[in-house]
Amino acid sequence: LRHPLLVFPASPGMGKSRMLDILSAAATQPGRDHKESAVQRFRPNENLGRVDEFRRAVLEAGAASITFNDVSSRHEDEDFLPLATHATSSRLLWSYFCGPSNVTYATFVHRTSRFMQQISISDVVVAILSDLNPSQHLIICVDELLKVGETKDVFKVLSAFGALHDASARLHLVFSSLSDDPFTSLTTASGRPVTRVELSP
C-alpha cells in the first residue's frame, strides 16, 4: 500500500501555510541544530501510540519547504524561470541547501537561473535524499501549489513529484491549497492515494 499525498485545503487565513511551516520546522534542516535537542526531549507516551510514532518520525526526518504564495518571488520566477518545473526545482534547492543562510531567493535565482534551467525536480529531490542519512525520510511541504501557474503547469509539477513519490518510500509530500477540487482531480487521475486533512476554524 502506497503512502498517500497529504493535502491541506482551506480558505485564506485558516492556517494552512502555518501548518506546513510547523511541520517542516520540526524536522531536520541543514544549518539548524534544534532537531537534536527536540529528539532528546522526546519521551514516548504509551497512551498515545501512533501519535507518538508520528511525532518521532517527523522529528527524525529531513525537510524542505517551499511556497508559491509570495508574489515577489513568483515575479522572479516569471522573469528568470518561466517553466513551473524549473521554478519548483529552484525553490526546493534554495530551501534545503540555502534557506538557513543569508542568501535570499531573489539573489539565488539571479545567480543560478541559467544553470537551474537544466535541473529537474527529480535531480533536486535525489540530491536532498543523498544528503540525508540512508535511514532518514524526507518531507517536502509545498504551499499554494496551484499558484505555480496554469492547470497544465500544476499537472507537470505534480506528475514529477508523483513519480518520485512512487519510487521512494522515504519521500513524503504535503501540499496546501485554497481548493482541493482541481488538486485532487489531478492527483487521483494518476491513481495515487490522496488524504484530505481538514483544518479546524
Protein backbone atom coordinates (compact mmCIF):
# COMPACT_ATOMS: atom_id res chain seq x y z
CA LEU A 1 0.00 0.00 0.00
CA ARG A 2 1.49 3.32 -1.10
CA HIS A 3 1.65 6.13 1.43
CA PRO A 4 -0.73 8.96 0.47
CA LEU A 5 -0.10 12.52 -0.59
CA LEU A 6 -1.40 14.85 2.12
CA VAL A 7 -3.44 17.90 1.15
CA PHE A 8 -4.50 20.74 3.47
CA PRO A 9 -7.31 22.60 1.66
CA ALA A 10 -8.59 25.75 3.36
CA SER A 11 -9.70 29.30 2.69
CA PRO A 12 -7.33 32.24 3.33
CA GLY A 13 -6.38 32.81 6.97
CA MET A 14 -7.22 29.28 8.14
CA GLY A 15 -3.59 28.44 8.96
CA LYS A 16 -2.64 26.03 6.18
CA SER A 17 0.66 27.80 5.47
CA ARG A 18 1.40 27.92 9.20
CA MET A 19 0.68 24.20 9.48
CA LEU A 20 3.26 23.42 6.78
CA ASP A 21 5.78 25.74 8.45
CA ILE A 22 5.37 23.93 11.78
CA LEU A 23 5.68 20.52 10.15
CA SER A 24 8.85 21.36 8.24
CA ALA A 25 10.41 23.25 11.17
CA ALA A 26 10.01 20.20 13.42
CA ALA A 27 12.08 18.09 11.05
CA THR A 28 15.80 18.29 10.42
CA GLN A 29 17.02 21.09 8.16
CA PRO A 30 20.62 21.91 7.23
CA GLY A 31 22.25 24.56 9.37
CA ARG A 32 19.77 24.16 12.22
CA ASP A 33 20.62 22.39 15.46
CA HIS A 34 17.23 22.39 17.21
CA LYS A 35 16.31 18.91 16.00
CA GLU A 36 18.78 17.04 18.20
CA SER A 37 17.55 18.69 21.39
CA ALA A 38 13.95 18.11 20.33
CA VAL A 39 14.59 14.40 19.93
CA GLN A 40 16.43 14.26 23.25
CA ARG A 41 13.40 15.84 24.96
CA PHE A 42 11.02 13.41 23.27
CA ARG A 43 9.60 10.76 25.58
CA PRO A 44 7.19 8.11 24.25
CA ASN A 45 3.74 8.09 25.79
CA GLU A 46 2.15 4.66 25.85
CA ASN A 47 -1.30 6.23 25.83
CA LEU A 48 -0.71 8.00 22.53
CA GLY A 49 0.62 5.10 20.46
CA ARG A 50 0.56 6.08 16.79
CA VAL A 51 0.62 9.81 17.63
CA ASP A 52 3.98 9.30 19.29
CA GLU A 53 5.17 7.30 16.30
CA PHE A 54 4.19 10.15 14.02
CA ARG A 55 5.92 12.76 16.21
CA ARG A 56 9.11 10.73 16.32
CA ALA A 57 9.04 10.16 12.56
CA VAL A 58 8.71 13.89 11.90
CA LEU A 59 11.50 14.79 14.33
CA GLU A 60 13.83 12.29 12.72
CA ALA A 61 13.01 13.16 9.10
CA GLY A 62 14.63 15.73 6.85
CA ALA A 63 12.52 18.52 5.36
CA ALA A 64 12.30 21.02 2.54
CA SER A 65 9.52 23.59 2.47
CA ILE A 66 8.57 25.91 -0.39
CA THR A 67 5.73 28.35 -1.04
CA PHE A 68 4.19 29.90 -4.12
CA ASN A 69 2.17 32.31 -2.01
CA ASP A 70 4.76 35.10 -2.24
CA VAL A 71 4.01 37.44 -5.14
CA SER A 72 7.50 38.95 -5.37
CA SER A 73 9.21 35.56 -5.66
CA ARG A 74 6.70 34.49 -8.32
CA HIS A 75 7.76 37.57 -10.30
CA GLU A 76 11.36 36.39 -10.04
CA ASP A 77 10.30 33.03 -11.43
CA GLU A 78 8.41 34.66 -14.30
CA ASP A 79 11.46 36.73 -15.24
CA PHE A 80 14.13 34.05 -14.96
CA LEU A 81 12.44 30.61 -14.71
CA PRO A 82 9.20 30.70 -16.72
CA LEU A 83 8.69 26.92 -16.62
CA ALA A 84 6.84 25.77 -13.49
CA THR A 85 9.03 22.68 -13.09
CA HIS A 86 12.21 24.79 -13.13
CA ALA A 87 10.71 27.28 -10.66
CA THR A 88 9.85 24.37 -8.34
CA SER A 89 13.33 22.85 -8.65
CA SER A 90 14.90 26.22 -7.88
CA ARG A 91 12.78 26.78 -4.79
CA LEU A 92 13.50 23.28 -3.48
CA LEU A 93 17.24 23.61 -3.98
CA TRP A 94 17.30 27.03 -2.32
CA SER A 95 15.05 25.96 0.56
CA TYR A 96 17.05 22.91 1.55
CA PHE A 97 20.63 23.97 0.85
CA CYS A 98 20.49 27.78 1.15
CA GLY A 99 17.42 28.54 3.27
CA PRO A 100 19.25 28.76 6.63
CA SER A 101 21.88 31.10 5.12
CA ASN A 102 21.59 34.79 4.29
CA VAL A 103 21.13 34.14 0.56
CA THR A 104 17.70 35.43 -0.45
CA TYR A 105 15.65 33.59 -3.04
CA ALA A 106 15.88 36.60 -5.39
CA THR A 107 19.69 36.54 -5.22
CA PHE A 108 19.73 32.78 -5.70
CA VAL A 109 17.54 32.99 -8.82
CA HIS A 110 19.60 35.81 -10.33
CA ARG A 111 22.81 33.85 -9.92
CA THR A 112 21.62 30.37 -10.89
CA SER A 113 18.73 30.75 -13.35
CA ARG A 114 20.72 29.62 -16.42
CA PHE A 115 22.01 26.61 -14.52
CA MET A 116 18.62 25.79 -12.98
CA GLN A 117 17.02 25.51 -16.42
CA GLN A 118 18.97 22.26 -16.77
CA ILE A 119 17.93 20.84 -13.39
CA SER A 120 14.78 18.78 -12.90
CA ILE A 121 12.67 18.30 -9.79
CA SER A 122 13.94 14.72 -9.73
CA ASP A 123 17.58 15.90 -9.72
CA VAL A 124 16.96 18.11 -6.69
CA VAL A 125 14.97 15.53 -4.70
CA VAL A 126 17.60 12.85 -5.36
CA ALA A 127 20.33 15.27 -4.22
CA ILE A 128 18.45 16.02 -0.98
CA LEU A 129 17.82 12.32 -0.28
CA SER A 130 21.53 11.66 -0.86
CA ASP A 131 22.40 14.39 1.64
CA LEU A 132 20.32 12.70 4.35
CA ASN A 133 21.26 9.55 6.24
CA PRO A 134 20.16 6.42 4.34
CA SER A 135 17.56 5.67 7.01
CA GLN A 136 16.12 9.20 7.08
CA HIS A 137 12.87 10.07 5.38
CA LEU A 138 12.25 13.36 3.56
CA ILE A 139 9.16 15.54 4.00
CA ILE A 140 8.56 18.06 1.21
CA CYS A 141 5.98 20.73 2.01
CA VAL A 142 4.57 22.75 -0.89
CA ASP A 143 2.39 25.72 0.00
CA GLU A 144 -0.16 27.01 -2.53
CA LEU A 145 0.99 24.80 -5.42
CA LEU A 146 -1.97 25.88 -7.56
CA LYS A 147 -0.39 29.34 -7.81
CA VAL A 148 2.61 27.94 -9.68
CA GLY A 149 0.80 28.57 -12.96
CA GLU A 150 -1.99 27.28 -15.14
CA THR A 151 -3.57 23.85 -14.64
CA LYS A 152 -1.21 22.28 -17.16
CA ASP A 153 1.77 23.63 -15.18
CA VAL A 154 0.40 22.24 -11.93
CA PHE A 155 -0.08 18.88 -13.62
CA LYS A 156 3.54 18.78 -14.77
CA VAL A 157 4.83 19.56 -11.27
CA LEU A 158 2.52 17.03 -9.65
CA SER A 159 3.48 14.39 -12.19
CA ALA A 160 7.16 14.90 -11.39
CA PHE A 161 6.55 14.74 -7.66
CA GLY A 162 4.21 11.77 -8.06
CA ALA A 163 6.76 9.69 -9.95
CA LEU A 164 9.33 10.35 -7.23
CA HIS A 165 6.76 9.62 -4.53
CA ASP A 166 6.00 6.25 -6.13
CA ALA A 167 9.68 5.39 -6.47
CA SER A 168 10.79 6.13 -2.92
CA ALA A 169 9.21 5.04 0.36
CA ARG A 170 11.41 7.67 2.04
CA LEU A 171 9.66 10.58 0.35
CA HIS A 172 6.52 12.17 1.80
CA LEU A 173 4.63 15.03 0.13
CA VAL A 174 2.42 17.57 1.88
CA PHE A 175 0.52 20.26 -0.04
CA SER A 176 -1.72 23.18 0.84
CA SER A 177 -4.29 24.76 -1.43
CA LEU A 178 -7.20 27.18 -1.39
CA SER A 179 -9.26 24.47 -3.09
CA ASP A 180 -8.78 20.74 -3.25
CA ASP A 181 -11.08 20.15 -6.23
CA PRO A 182 -8.56 20.74 -9.06
CA PHE A 183 -5.76 19.36 -6.92
CA THR A 184 -7.39 16.04 -6.10
CA SER A 185 -8.63 15.59 -9.66
CA LEU A 186 -5.08 15.97 -10.94
CA THR A 187 -3.59 13.56 -8.41
CA THR A 188 -6.30 10.92 -8.40
CA ALA A 189 -6.19 10.74 -12.20
CA SER A 190 -2.84 9.01 -11.75
CA GLY A 191 -4.24 6.56 -9.22
CA ARG A 192 -2.12 7.90 -6.38
CA PRO A 193 -3.80 7.94 -2.95
CA VAL A 194 -4.64 11.38 -1.57
CA THR A 195 -5.56 12.16 2.03
CA ARG A 196 -7.51 15.37 2.62
CA VAL A 197 -6.77 16.92 6.04
CA GLU A 198 -9.34 19.37 7.38
CA LEU A 199 -8.22 22.38 9.41
CA SER A 200 -10.48 23.45 12.26
CA PRO A 201 -11.78 27.06 12.09
